[in-house]
Amino acid sequence: MPQMIFVNLPVNDLETSKAFWSKLGYSFNPQFTDENAACLVISDTIYAMLLTKPRFKDFVKKEIADAATSTEVILALSAESRDKVDELVDAALAAGGSPANDPQDYGFMYGRSFQDPDHHQWEVIWMDEEAAKEAMAQGE
């Protein structure tokens, strides 16, 4: 069985978060979704648990970071092409997300970023692995 990852993210409004990710074409696992949490299915091995802040607080002893004013994590997703990077980020911006950083284009790697409605930063990256190996071998 492949290793899986479950990223837990606090959200201000669960329904707004669910609507945002639904507009991007993602689904939710109903087995782990209720009025306090939604299990966002990113892939067969990647999930994000969107938790209301009171529910998120049940799992931590520290204060919850305010993603609107500080950054604790950057979440990065791979894309199969440059066009897919643009497609996903453009859809996120159209669905109510906001820009995070300027696009990055290194020829062998291309990425753009956005913030979801709760200001969590997401990077979407495409990389030509063979070209990246050649660039690294040449010291670029």
Foldseek 3Di string as FASTA:
>chain_A
DDAADEAEDEDAAVVLLQQLVVLLVWDWDPVQDDRAWTWTDPDPRYTYIYGHVVVVCVVDDDDDDQLVVDADDEAEDEDADPVRQVSNVVSSVVSPWAFDDDWDPPPQKTKGWIAHPSNHIYIYMYGDVVVVVVCVVVVD
